[in-house]
Amino acid sequence: MENKWILCPVCGNKTRLKIRNDTEISKFPLYCPKCRQENLINVKSFKVTIIKEPDAKTQSR
């Protein structure tokens, strides 16, 4: 099994998570200790995609 670190999608530095090639993650809140940002991500076959959240201000009640 191959393992890789998940890189921050904002700054590109290593996060505190390591994944295997068969790891699948959905709607995971990834926190980067360096840039101190949190992003929702999906992971499948080492491919990390960011989930864009709608702005709270633009949501109707």
Protein backbone atom coordinates (compact mmCIF):
# COMPACT_ATOMS: atom_id res chain seq x y z
CA MET A 1 0.00 0.00 0.00
CA GLU A 2 1.18 3.46 -0.89
CA ASN A 3 0.69 6.27 1.65
CA LYS A 4 0.74 10.03 1.04
CA TRP A 5 0.23 13.13 3.15
CA ILE A 6 -2.82 15.23 2.37
CA LEU A 7 -1.60 18.66 1.29
CA CYS A 8 -3.45 21.84 2.17
CA PRO A 9 -5.41 23.03 -0.88
CA VAL A 10 -4.72 26.68 0.08
CA CYS A 11 -1.01 26.83 0.95
CA GLY A 12 0.24 23.42 -0.29
CA ASN A 13 1.89 22.36 2.98
CA LYS A 14 1.49 18.99 4.66
CA THR A 15 -1.45 18.57 7.00
CA ARG A 16 -1.60 16.11 9.88
CA LEU A 17 -3.36 13.43 7.84
CA LYS A 18 -1.92 10.58 5.85
CA ILE A 19 -4.05 8.52 3.45
CA ARG A 20 -3.68 5.27 1.52
CA ASN A 21 -4.47 4.87 -2.16
CA ASP A 22 -7.76 3.10 -1.36
CA THR A 23 -8.98 5.86 1.02
CA GLU A 24 -12.26 7.61 0.21
CA ILE A 25 -13.36 10.64 2.25
CA SER A 26 -16.52 12.67 1.78
CA LYS A 27 -17.30 16.12 3.25
CA PHE A 28 -14.29 16.08 5.59
CA PRO A 29 -13.31 19.32 7.41
CA LEU A 30 -9.55 19.51 6.74
CA TYR A 31 -7.63 21.93 8.99
CA CYS A 32 -4.20 23.26 8.04
CA PRO A 33 -1.99 24.11 11.04
CA LYS A 34 0.19 26.44 8.98
CA CYS A 35 -2.35 28.72 7.28
CA ARG A 36 -5.01 28.06 9.95
CA GLN A 37 -7.82 27.55 7.48
CA GLU A 38 -10.45 24.84 7.38
CA ASN A 39 -11.88 23.52 4.12
CA LEU A 40 -14.40 20.80 3.35
CA ILE A 41 -12.80 18.23 1.07
CA ASN A 42 -13.54 15.00 -0.75
CA VAL A 43 -10.75 12.46 -1.39
CA LYS A 44 -10.73 9.52 -3.79
CA SER A 45 -7.59 7.79 -5.16
CA PHE A 46 -5.28 10.54 -3.79
CA LYS A 47 -7.32 13.21 -5.62
CA VAL A 48 -8.39 15.98 -3.23
CA THR A 49 -11.26 18.28 -4.22
CA ILE A 50 -12.56 21.27 -2.26
CA ILE A 51 -16.29 21.56 -1.60
CA LYS A 52 -17.49 25.13 -2.01
CA GLU A 53 -19.89 26.09 0.75
CA PRO A 54 -22.63 28.61 0.02
CA ASP A 55 -22.23 31.89 1.90
CA ALA A 56 -24.37 32.13 5.03
CA LYS A 57 -25.29 35.72 4.09
CA THR A 58 -26.80 34.70 0.74
CA GLN A 59 -28.89 31.83 2.05
CA SER A 60 -32.57 32.57 2.39
CA ARG A 61 -34.39 31.81 5.61
